[in-house]
Structures are given as structure tokens and as C-alpha cells.
Amino acid sequence: MENNATILVVDDDKEIADLVEIYLVNDGYKVLKASDGEQCLSILAEHPEIRMLILDIMMPGIDGLEVTRTIRETSNIPILLLSAKAEDMDKIVGFGTGADDYLTKPFHPLELLARVKSQMKRYTVIEPAMEDSRGKDEIEVQNLTINKAAHVVKKNGKEIALTPIEFDILYLLASNKDRVFSTDEIFERVWNEKVYEVNNTVMVHIRRLREKIEDNSRSPKILKTVWGVGYKVEG
């Protein structure tokens, strides 16, 4: 993903939105801004070139969590949530709505840019021409077909919508069938970051992934838990 990609920054605090814009523009990105959730959804609909969303949670009207839920009904665009709340439960709720990353205010500009670049690397724009590559990078696991080149997952032949993080977790495990990965291994391989503290990030994404790929997420047949060790995909 090129550094001149367009990012939509959504925050009702104009000072913060302007600062984030400065950081991103200085790093080569193009920036659009919105001050509330309704305006955010309108701009997204009008600008298909947007490649990432930086979204404040606490906003008047439609808050950031509801905006995320709405976007996830139709799009897997990377979403980085901003929040003044640092508690684990707030992060879990954020990830539970479909967000890819979570950054607590106040934040260092270099950390923001690092998170943005990490998400940009992960996100692939699916062009129609990629249909020609179908079958070259496909993995089949039970009733799932996972196409790496197109970032598409199908269940019983029907496409299911995964976020970039969910896709990367599934592809990692499915391409190493029956190998058990610890939560730390999954985090470091998918997020490309070292784990410095215990958190529930991977667990939350695994739970959401199961809800999408399993017939019964409470009794998974594909994405298995190996108690005390981690997770694996069974072929």
C-alpha cells in the first residue's frame, strides 16, 4: 500500500483531528476529515478511494462503535479506534464491534504512524483482475475456501466478510493445519509487534472469527482451542 493512500480521520475534537492530519500528511498520506459518525458514513460512501479509518469512539449522535458496526456490514476497511479510555474491557468492546486496532489518548505521533503503517500493510484492495488468480493461493479447510491473493474467504461457496485482522489470523492457522499457536505467537505474527503485556486482543478476534466461520461458535469444528497452549485449525 502506497504512502499516498487516503485516510479518513473522524473526531469531534477539531484540535485532535487537525494534529492527526498533520502527522499523516507529513508522512505522505492524503487525509479527509469528519466531525461525527453521520458525516463519516456519508464521506465513506462518496469517496471509494479511502483506504483506512481513524475513528474516535466518544462522539455525539452516532458514536464510533456504532459506526464501526455499520461499516462492518459491507466493508473490511481497516479501522483504528481512538479513545480516552484505557481499560481492557473498553478495548474488548472496541474489537468486538470489528475494529482492527485501538489507540488510547493521549498518544505519541510515532505510535500512531506505526499503527497506521501496520494496518496498511495488511489491507489488500481487491481488484476485479484478481479473479484470474483464483486457485493459485487457495487453501481448503472443511467447508471453507481461503484465497490469499484476493483476501476472500468462502463458506460452502458463499463469501463471508472478514476484517483484515480476522483474515490474517485464519490464514496463519489454516496454512499451518494442526499446528498449535499460542496467543503471543499469533499476536506477533499477525500484528508484527512484540507482546509486552497480557491482553485479550487475540481472544476477542478469535471469538468473532468463530462466529463467522463456524456453524456453531460454541462448539467449533474448525478453529479449535488447545487448552493451556493456544489455537489451531483442524483440516
C-alpha atoms as a PDB file:
ATOM      1  CA  MET A   1       0.000   0.000   0.000  1.00  0.00           C
ATOM      2  CA  GLU A   2       1.421   3.327  -1.048  1.00  0.00           C
ATOM      3  CA  ASN A   3       2.060   6.066   1.486  1.00  0.00           C
ATOM      4  CA  ASN A   4      -0.161   8.425  -0.523  1.00  0.00           C
ATOM      5  CA  ALA A   5      -3.260   6.398   0.370  1.00  0.00           C
ATOM      6  CA  THR A   6      -6.315   8.305   1.603  1.00  0.00           C
ATOM      7  CA  ILE A   7      -7.245   8.065   5.283  1.00  0.00           C
ATOM      8  CA  LEU A   8     -10.456   9.354   6.866  1.00  0.00           C
ATOM      9  CA  VAL A   9      -9.983  10.892  10.328  1.00  0.00           C
ATOM     10  CA  VAL A  10     -13.143  11.184  12.427  1.00  0.00           C
ATOM     11  CA  ASP A  11     -13.105  13.129  15.699  1.00  0.00           C
ATOM     12  CA  ASP A  12     -15.398  15.787  17.136  1.00  0.00           C
ATOM     13  CA  ASP A  13     -12.346  17.395  18.772  1.00  0.00           C
ATOM     14  CA  LYS A  14     -11.061  19.611  15.954  1.00  0.00           C
ATOM     15  CA  GLU A  15      -7.655  20.081  17.581  1.00  0.00           C
ATOM     16  CA  ILE A  16      -7.002  16.334  17.722  1.00  0.00           C
ATOM     17  CA  ALA A  17      -8.291  15.801  14.172  1.00  0.00           C
ATOM     18  CA  ASP A  18      -6.028  18.588  12.897  1.00  0.00           C
ATOM     19  CA  LEU A  19      -2.992  17.145  14.723  1.00  0.00           C
ATOM     20  CA  VAL A  20      -3.618  13.657  13.329  1.00  0.00           C
ATOM     21  CA  GLU A  21      -3.953  15.188   9.868  1.00  0.00           C
ATOM     22  CA  ILE A  22      -0.574  16.929  10.246  1.00  0.00           C
ATOM     23  CA  TYR A  23       1.159  13.671  11.285  1.00  0.00           C
ATOM     24  CA  LEU A  24      -0.353  11.749   8.379  1.00  0.00           C
ATOM     25  CA  VAL A  25       0.197  14.398   5.715  1.00  0.00           C
ATOM     26  CA  ASN A  26       3.826  14.810   6.792  1.00  0.00           C
ATOM     27  CA  ASP A  27       4.219  11.065   6.251  1.00  0.00           C
ATOM     28  CA  GLY A  28       2.767  11.291   2.738  1.00  0.00           C
ATOM     29  CA  TYR A  29      -0.850  10.264   3.274  1.00  0.00           C
ATOM     30  CA  LYS A  30      -3.896  12.081   1.947  1.00  0.00           C
ATOM     31  CA  VAL A  31      -6.438  12.973   4.632  1.00  0.00           C
ATOM     32  CA  LEU A  32     -10.176  13.569   4.733  1.00  0.00           C
ATOM     33  CA  LYS A  33     -11.873  14.600   7.981  1.00  0.00           C
ATOM     34  CA  ALA A  34     -15.287  14.224   9.594  1.00  0.00           C
ATOM     35  CA  SER A  35     -16.545  15.548  12.925  1.00  0.00           C
ATOM     36  CA  ASP A  36     -19.247  12.971  13.695  1.00  0.00           C
ATOM     37  CA  GLY A  37     -20.439   9.487  12.791  1.00  0.00           C
ATOM     38  CA  GLU A  38     -23.119  10.547  10.341  1.00  0.00           C
ATOM     39  CA  GLN A  39     -20.677  12.693   8.374  1.00  0.00           C
ATOM     40  CA  CYS A  40     -18.168   9.839   8.457  1.00  0.00           C
ATOM     41  CA  LEU A  41     -20.577   7.386   6.814  1.00  0.00           C
ATOM     42  CA  SER A  42     -21.538   9.991   4.218  1.00  0.00           C
ATOM     43  CA  ILE A  43     -17.902  10.693   3.281  1.00  0.00           C
ATOM     44  CA  LEU A  44     -17.108   6.976   3.085  1.00  0.00           C
ATOM     45  CA  ALA A  45     -19.978   6.488   0.654  1.00  0.00           C
ATOM     46  CA  GLU A  46     -18.779   9.370  -1.527  1.00  0.00           C
ATOM     47  CA  HIS A  47     -15.054   8.516  -1.525  1.00  0.00           C
ATOM     48  CA  PRO A  48     -14.256   4.909  -2.504  1.00  0.00           C
ATOM     49  CA  GLU A  49     -10.547   5.815  -2.546  1.00  0.00           C
ATOM     50  CA  ILE A  50     -10.464   5.851   1.289  1.00  0.00           C
ATOM     51  CA  ARG A  51      -8.192   3.043   2.475  1.00  0.00           C
ATOM     52  CA  MET A  52      -8.329   3.398   6.274  1.00  0.00           C
ATOM     53  CA  LEU A  53     -10.416   4.955   9.035  1.00  0.00           C
ATOM     54  CA  ILE A  54      -9.112   6.562  12.247  1.00  0.00           C
ATOM     55  CA  LEU A  55     -12.200   6.875  14.407  1.00  0.00           C
ATOM     56  CA  ASP A  56     -12.857   8.430  17.811  1.00  0.00           C
ATOM     57  CA  ILE A  57     -15.221   6.381  19.972  1.00  0.00           C
ATOM     58  CA  MET A  58     -16.880   9.125  22.008  1.00  0.00           C
ATOM     59  CA  MET A  59     -18.808  11.373  19.628  1.00  0.00           C
ATOM     60  CA  PRO A  60     -22.244  12.979  19.734  1.00  0.00           C
ATOM     61  CA  GLY A  61     -25.004  11.230  17.814  1.00  0.00           C
ATOM     62  CA  ILE A  62     -23.697   8.035  16.220  1.00  0.00           C
ATOM     63  CA  ASP A  63     -20.642   7.032  18.262  1.00  0.00           C
ATOM     64  CA  GLY A  64     -17.542   5.316  16.933  1.00  0.00           C
ATOM     65  CA  LEU A  65     -18.637   1.824  17.977  1.00  0.00           C
ATOM     66  CA  GLU A  66     -21.922   2.099  16.106  1.00  0.00           C
ATOM     67  CA  VAL A  67     -20.125   3.500  13.072  1.00  0.00           C
ATOM     68  CA  THR A  68     -17.775   0.502  13.156  1.00  0.00           C
ATOM     69  CA  ARG A  69     -20.679  -1.960  13.336  1.00  0.00           C
ATOM     70  CA  THR A  70     -22.353  -0.256  10.388  1.00  0.00           C
ATOM     71  CA  ILE A  71     -19.188  -0.273   8.258  1.00  0.00           C
ATOM     72  CA  ARG A  72     -18.514  -3.935   9.009  1.00  0.00           C
ATOM     73  CA  GLU A  73     -21.816  -4.904   7.417  1.00  0.00           C
ATOM     74  CA  THR A  74     -20.360  -4.107   3.996  1.00  0.00           C
ATOM     75  CA  SER A  75     -16.618  -3.382   4.238  1.00  0.00           C
ATOM     76  CA  ASN A  76     -13.381  -4.772   5.668  1.00  0.00           C
ATOM     77  CA  ILE A  77     -11.546  -1.419   5.543  1.00  0.00           C
ATOM     78  CA  PRO A  78      -9.021  -1.142   8.428  1.00  0.00           C
ATOM     79  CA  ILE A  79     -10.422   0.761  11.412  1.00  0.00           C
ATOM     80  CA  LEU A  80      -8.238   2.233  14.167  1.00  0.00           C
ATOM     81  CA  LEU A  81     -10.256   3.374  17.173  1.00  0.00           C
ATOM     82  CA  LEU A  82      -9.156   6.302  19.333  1.00  0.00           C
ATOM     83  CA  SER A  83     -10.342   6.521  22.931  1.00  0.00           C
ATOM     84  CA  ALA A  84      -9.558   8.271  26.199  1.00  0.00           C
ATOM     85  CA  LYS A  85     -10.418   5.013  27.987  1.00  0.00           C
ATOM     86  CA  ALA A  86      -7.531   2.621  28.555  1.00  0.00           C
ATOM     87  CA  GLU A  87      -9.267  -0.241  30.396  1.00  0.00           C
ATOM     88  CA  ASP A  88      -9.089  -3.719  28.847  1.00  0.00           C
ATOM     89  CA  MET A  89     -12.883  -4.011  28.745  1.00  0.00           C
ATOM     90  CA  ASP A  90     -13.144  -0.890  26.595  1.00  0.00           C
ATOM     91  CA  LYS A  91     -10.630  -2.393  24.171  1.00  0.00           C
ATOM     92  CA  ILE A  92     -12.501  -5.693  24.113  1.00  0.00           C
ATOM     93  CA  VAL A  93     -15.752  -3.888  23.292  1.00  0.00           C
ATOM     94  CA  GLY A  94     -13.972  -1.976  20.529  1.00  0.00           C
ATOM     95  CA  PHE A  95     -12.513  -5.118  18.982  1.00  0.00           C
ATOM     96  CA  GLY A  96     -15.868  -6.824  19.415  1.00  0.00           C
ATOM     97  CA  THR A  97     -17.507  -4.339  17.053  1.00  0.00           C
ATOM     98  CA  GLY A  98     -14.995  -5.204  14.324  1.00  0.00           C
ATOM     99  CA  ALA A  99     -12.188  -2.684  14.852  1.00  0.00           C
ATOM    100  CA  ASP A 100      -8.675  -3.738  13.830  1.00  0.00           C
ATOM    101  CA  ASP A 101      -6.687  -1.683  16.334  1.00  0.00           C
ATOM    102  CA  TYR A 102      -7.160   0.557  19.360  1.00  0.00           C
ATOM    103  CA  LEU A 103      -5.078   3.523  20.499  1.00  0.00           C
ATOM    104  CA  THR A 104      -5.501   5.341  23.803  1.00  0.00           C
ATOM    105  CA  LYS A 105      -5.384   9.138  24.034  1.00  0.00           C
ATOM    106  CA  PRO A 106      -3.046  10.880  24.521  1.00  0.00           C
ATOM    107  CA  PHE A 107      -0.797   9.056  22.060  1.00  0.00           C
ATOM    108  CA  HIS A 108       2.634   9.661  20.583  1.00  0.00           C
ATOM    109  CA  PRO A 109       2.555  10.584  16.874  1.00  0.00           C
ATOM    110  CA  LEU A 110       5.168   7.943  16.047  1.00  0.00           C
ATOM    111  CA  GLU A 111       2.987   5.256  17.631  1.00  0.00           C
ATOM    112  CA  LEU A 112       0.006   6.438  15.592  1.00  0.00           C
ATOM    113  CA  LEU A 113       2.032   6.270  12.378  1.00  0.00           C
ATOM    114  CA  ALA A 114       3.355   2.817  13.280  1.00  0.00           C
ATOM    115  CA  ARG A 115      -0.197   1.535  13.812  1.00  0.00           C
ATOM    116  CA  VAL A 116      -1.336   3.080  10.527  1.00  0.00           C
ATOM    117  CA  LYS A 117       1.524   1.515   8.572  1.00  0.00           C
ATOM    118  CA  SER A 118       0.869  -1.870  10.174  1.00  0.00           C
ATOM    119  CA  GLN A 119      -2.762  -1.803   9.068  1.00  0.00           C
ATOM    120  CA  MET A 120      -1.891  -0.524   5.599  1.00  0.00           C
ATOM    121  CA  LYS A 121       0.475  -3.451   5.035  1.00  0.00           C
ATOM    122  CA  ARG A 122      -2.281  -5.855   5.951  1.00  0.00           C
ATOM    123  CA  TYR A 123      -5.024  -4.392   3.814  1.00  0.00           C
ATOM    124  CA  THR A 124      -5.375  -5.536   0.213  1.00  0.00           C
ATOM    125  CA  VAL A 125      -7.643  -3.806  -2.262  1.00  0.00           C
ATOM    126  CA  ILE A 126      -9.474  -6.497  -4.213  1.00  0.00           C
ATOM    127  CA  GLU A 127      -9.399  -5.619  -7.879  1.00  0.00           C
ATOM    128  CA  PRO A 128     -11.626  -7.455 -10.397  1.00  0.00           C
ATOM    129  CA  ALA A 129      -8.491  -8.689 -12.149  1.00  0.00           C
ATOM    130  CA  MET A 130      -7.662 -10.753  -9.095  1.00  0.00           C
ATOM    131  CA  GLU A 131     -10.399 -13.176 -10.079  1.00  0.00           C
ATOM    132  CA  ASP A 132      -7.884 -14.510 -12.624  1.00  0.00           C
ATOM    133  CA  SER A 133      -5.603 -15.582  -9.794  1.00  0.00           C
ATOM    134  CA  ARG A 134      -8.265 -17.677  -8.119  1.00  0.00           C
ATOM    135  CA  GLY A 135      -6.954 -21.106  -7.231  1.00  0.00           C
ATOM    136  CA  LYS A 136      -3.293 -20.140  -7.150  1.00  0.00           C
ATOM    137  CA  ASP A 137      -3.226 -19.280  -3.460  1.00  0.00           C
ATOM    138  CA  GLU A 138      -6.231 -21.186  -2.177  1.00  0.00           C
ATOM    139  CA  ILE A 139      -6.447 -23.271   0.968  1.00  0.00           C
ATOM    140  CA  GLU A 140      -9.396 -25.545   1.653  1.00  0.00           C
ATOM    141  CA  VAL A 141     -10.347 -26.358   5.216  1.00  0.00           C
ATOM    142  CA  GLN A 142     -13.508 -28.412   5.643  1.00  0.00           C
ATOM    143  CA  ASN A 143     -16.261 -26.186   4.171  1.00  0.00           C
ATOM    144  CA  LEU A 144     -14.011 -23.104   3.845  1.00  0.00           C
ATOM    145  CA  THR A 145     -12.056 -21.858   0.837  1.00  0.00           C
ATOM    146  CA  ILE A 146      -9.420 -19.239   1.648  1.00  0.00           C
ATOM    147  CA  ASN A 147      -7.930 -17.241  -1.217  1.00  0.00           C
ATOM    148  CA  LYS A 148      -4.851 -15.324  -0.118  1.00  0.00           C
ATOM    149  CA  ALA A 149      -4.381 -13.322  -3.332  1.00  0.00           C
ATOM    150  CA  ALA A 150      -7.923 -11.949  -3.285  1.00  0.00           C
ATOM    151  CA  HIS A 151      -8.294 -11.862   0.524  1.00  0.00           C
ATOM    152  CA  VAL A 152     -11.554 -13.756   0.112  1.00  0.00           C
ATOM    153  CA  VAL A 153     -12.998 -16.485   2.321  1.00  0.00           C
ATOM    154  CA  LYS A 154     -15.974 -18.562   1.232  1.00  0.00           C
ATOM    155  CA  LYS A 155     -18.063 -20.870   3.387  1.00  0.00           C
ATOM    156  CA  ASN A 156     -19.976 -23.501   1.413  1.00  0.00           C
ATOM    157  CA  GLY A 157     -19.266 -21.410  -1.687  1.00  0.00           C
ATOM    158  CA  LYS A 158     -20.671 -18.179  -0.235  1.00  0.00           C
ATOM    159  CA  GLU A 159     -18.319 -15.297   0.532  1.00  0.00           C
ATOM    160  CA  ILE A 160     -18.124 -14.213   4.168  1.00  0.00           C
ATOM    161  CA  ALA A 161     -16.900 -10.789   5.282  1.00  0.00           C
ATOM    162  CA  LEU A 162     -13.766 -10.836   7.428  1.00  0.00           C
ATOM    163  CA  THR A 163     -11.746  -7.893   8.677  1.00  0.00           C
ATOM    164  CA  PRO A 164      -8.075  -7.841   7.586  1.00  0.00           C
ATOM    165  CA  ILE A 165      -7.025  -8.994  11.074  1.00  0.00           C
ATOM    166  CA  GLU A 166      -9.528 -11.859  11.077  1.00  0.00           C
ATOM    167  CA  PHE A 167      -8.357 -12.940   7.622  1.00  0.00           C
ATOM    168  CA  ASP A 168      -4.702 -12.912   8.665  1.00  0.00           C
ATOM    169  CA  ILE A 169      -5.389 -14.973  11.790  1.00  0.00           C
ATOM    170  CA  LEU A 170      -7.373 -17.517   9.795  1.00  0.00           C
ATOM    171  CA  TYR A 171      -4.792 -17.700   7.010  1.00  0.00           C
ATOM    172  CA  LEU A 172      -1.942 -18.137   9.507  1.00  0.00           C
ATOM    173  CA  LEU A 173      -3.661 -21.049  11.246  1.00  0.00           C
ATOM    174  CA  ALA A 174      -5.139 -22.624   8.103  1.00  0.00           C
ATOM    175  CA  SER A 175      -1.807 -22.598   6.277  1.00  0.00           C
ATOM    176  CA  ASN A 176      -0.310 -24.465   9.246  1.00  0.00           C
ATOM    177  CA  LYS A 177      -3.056 -27.021   9.804  1.00  0.00           C
ATOM    178  CA  ASP A 178      -2.966 -28.846  13.142  1.00  0.00           C
ATOM    179  CA  ARG A 179      -0.080 -26.727  14.418  1.00  0.00           C
ATOM    180  CA  VAL A 180      -0.899 -25.045  17.722  1.00  0.00           C
ATOM    181  CA  PHE A 181      -0.104 -21.327  18.020  1.00  0.00           C
ATOM    182  CA  SER A 182      -0.033 -19.541  21.352  1.00  0.00           C
ATOM    183  CA  THR A 183      -1.851 -16.224  21.647  1.00  0.00           C
ATOM    184  CA  ASP A 184       1.529 -14.466  21.849  1.00  0.00           C
ATOM    185  CA  GLU A 185       2.694 -16.169  18.626  1.00  0.00           C
ATOM    186  CA  ILE A 186      -0.497 -15.182  16.834  1.00  0.00           C
ATOM    187  CA  PHE A 187      -0.181 -11.577  18.009  1.00  0.00           C
ATOM    188  CA  GLU A 188       3.455 -11.275  16.982  1.00  0.00           C
ATOM    189  CA  ARG A 189       2.902 -12.924  13.570  1.00  0.00           C
ATOM    190  CA  VAL A 190      -0.293 -11.030  12.672  1.00  0.00           C
ATOM    191  CA  TRP A 191       0.262  -7.642  14.279  1.00  0.00           C
ATOM    192  CA  ASN A 192       4.029  -7.643  13.613  1.00  0.00           C
ATOM    193  CA  GLU A 193       4.610  -6.400  17.152  1.00  0.00           C
ATOM    194  CA  LYS A 194       6.151  -7.886  20.285  1.00  0.00           C
ATOM    195  CA  VAL A 195       3.812  -8.690  23.161  1.00  0.00           C
ATOM    196  CA  TYR A 196       4.742  -6.569  26.167  1.00  0.00           C
ATOM    197  CA  GLU A 197       1.714  -7.150  28.364  1.00  0.00           C
ATOM    198  CA  VAL A 198      -1.067  -9.672  28.793  1.00  0.00           C
ATOM    199  CA  ASN A 199      -4.169  -8.681  26.839  1.00  0.00           C
ATOM    200  CA  ASN A 200      -7.281 -10.230  25.359  1.00  0.00           C
ATOM    201  CA  THR A 201      -6.851  -8.895  21.834  1.00  0.00           C
ATOM    202  CA  VAL A 202      -6.296 -12.260  20.129  1.00  0.00           C
ATOM    203  CA  MET A 203      -9.044 -13.945  22.127  1.00  0.00           C
ATOM    204  CA  VAL A 204     -11.600 -11.351  21.049  1.00  0.00           C
ATOM    205  CA  HIS A 205     -10.686 -11.679  17.361  1.00  0.00           C
ATOM    206  CA  ILE A 206     -10.781 -15.494  17.600  1.00  0.00           C
ATOM    207  CA  ARG A 207     -14.272 -15.308  19.091  1.00  0.00           C
ATOM    208  CA  ARG A 208     -15.525 -13.050  16.282  1.00  0.00           C
ATOM    209  CA  LEU A 209     -13.844 -15.230  13.666  1.00  0.00           C
ATOM    210  CA  ARG A 210     -15.601 -18.317  15.014  1.00  0.00           C
ATOM    211  CA  GLU A 211     -18.950 -16.552  14.833  1.00  0.00           C
ATOM    212  CA  LYS A 212     -18.368 -16.107  11.100  1.00  0.00           C
ATOM    213  CA  ILE A 213     -16.789 -19.404  10.029  1.00  0.00           C
ATOM    214  CA  GLU A 214     -18.277 -21.993  12.387  1.00  0.00           C
ATOM    215  CA  ASP A 215     -21.766 -23.499  12.163  1.00  0.00           C
ATOM    216  CA  ASN A 216     -21.834 -23.362  15.967  1.00  0.00           C
ATOM    217  CA  SER A 217     -19.278 -20.999  17.502  1.00  0.00           C
ATOM    218  CA  ARG A 218     -19.790 -22.584  20.948  1.00  0.00           C
ATOM    219  CA  SER A 219     -18.763 -25.968  19.589  1.00  0.00           C
ATOM    220  CA  PRO A 220     -16.142 -25.157  16.934  1.00  0.00           C
ATOM    221  CA  LYS A 221     -15.135 -27.801  14.424  1.00  0.00           C
ATOM    222  CA  ILE A 222     -12.533 -25.772  12.509  1.00  0.00           C
ATOM    223  CA  LEU A 223     -10.820 -23.289  14.836  1.00  0.00           C
ATOM    224  CA  LYS A 224     -10.029 -25.318  17.945  1.00  0.00           C
ATOM    225  CA  THR A 225      -8.782 -24.292  21.376  1.00  0.00           C
ATOM    226  CA  VAL A 226      -5.948 -26.360  22.838  1.00  0.00           C
ATOM    227  CA  TRP A 227      -6.387 -25.553  26.499  1.00  0.00           C
ATOM    228  CA  GLY A 228      -3.333 -24.094  28.170  1.00  0.00           C
ATOM    229  CA  VAL A 229      -1.486 -23.830  24.844  1.00  0.00           C
ATOM    230  CA  GLY A 230      -3.344 -21.836  22.191  1.00  0.00           C
ATOM    231  CA  TYR A 231      -5.326 -22.341  18.976  1.00  0.00           C
ATOM    232  CA  LYS A 232      -5.173 -24.454  15.843  1.00  0.00           C
ATOM    233  CA  VAL A 233      -7.147 -25.091  12.660  1.00  0.00           C
ATOM    234  CA  GLU A 234      -8.137 -28.680  12.046  1.00  0.00           C
ATOM    235  CA  GLY A 235      -8.207 -29.906   8.481  1.00  0.00           C
END
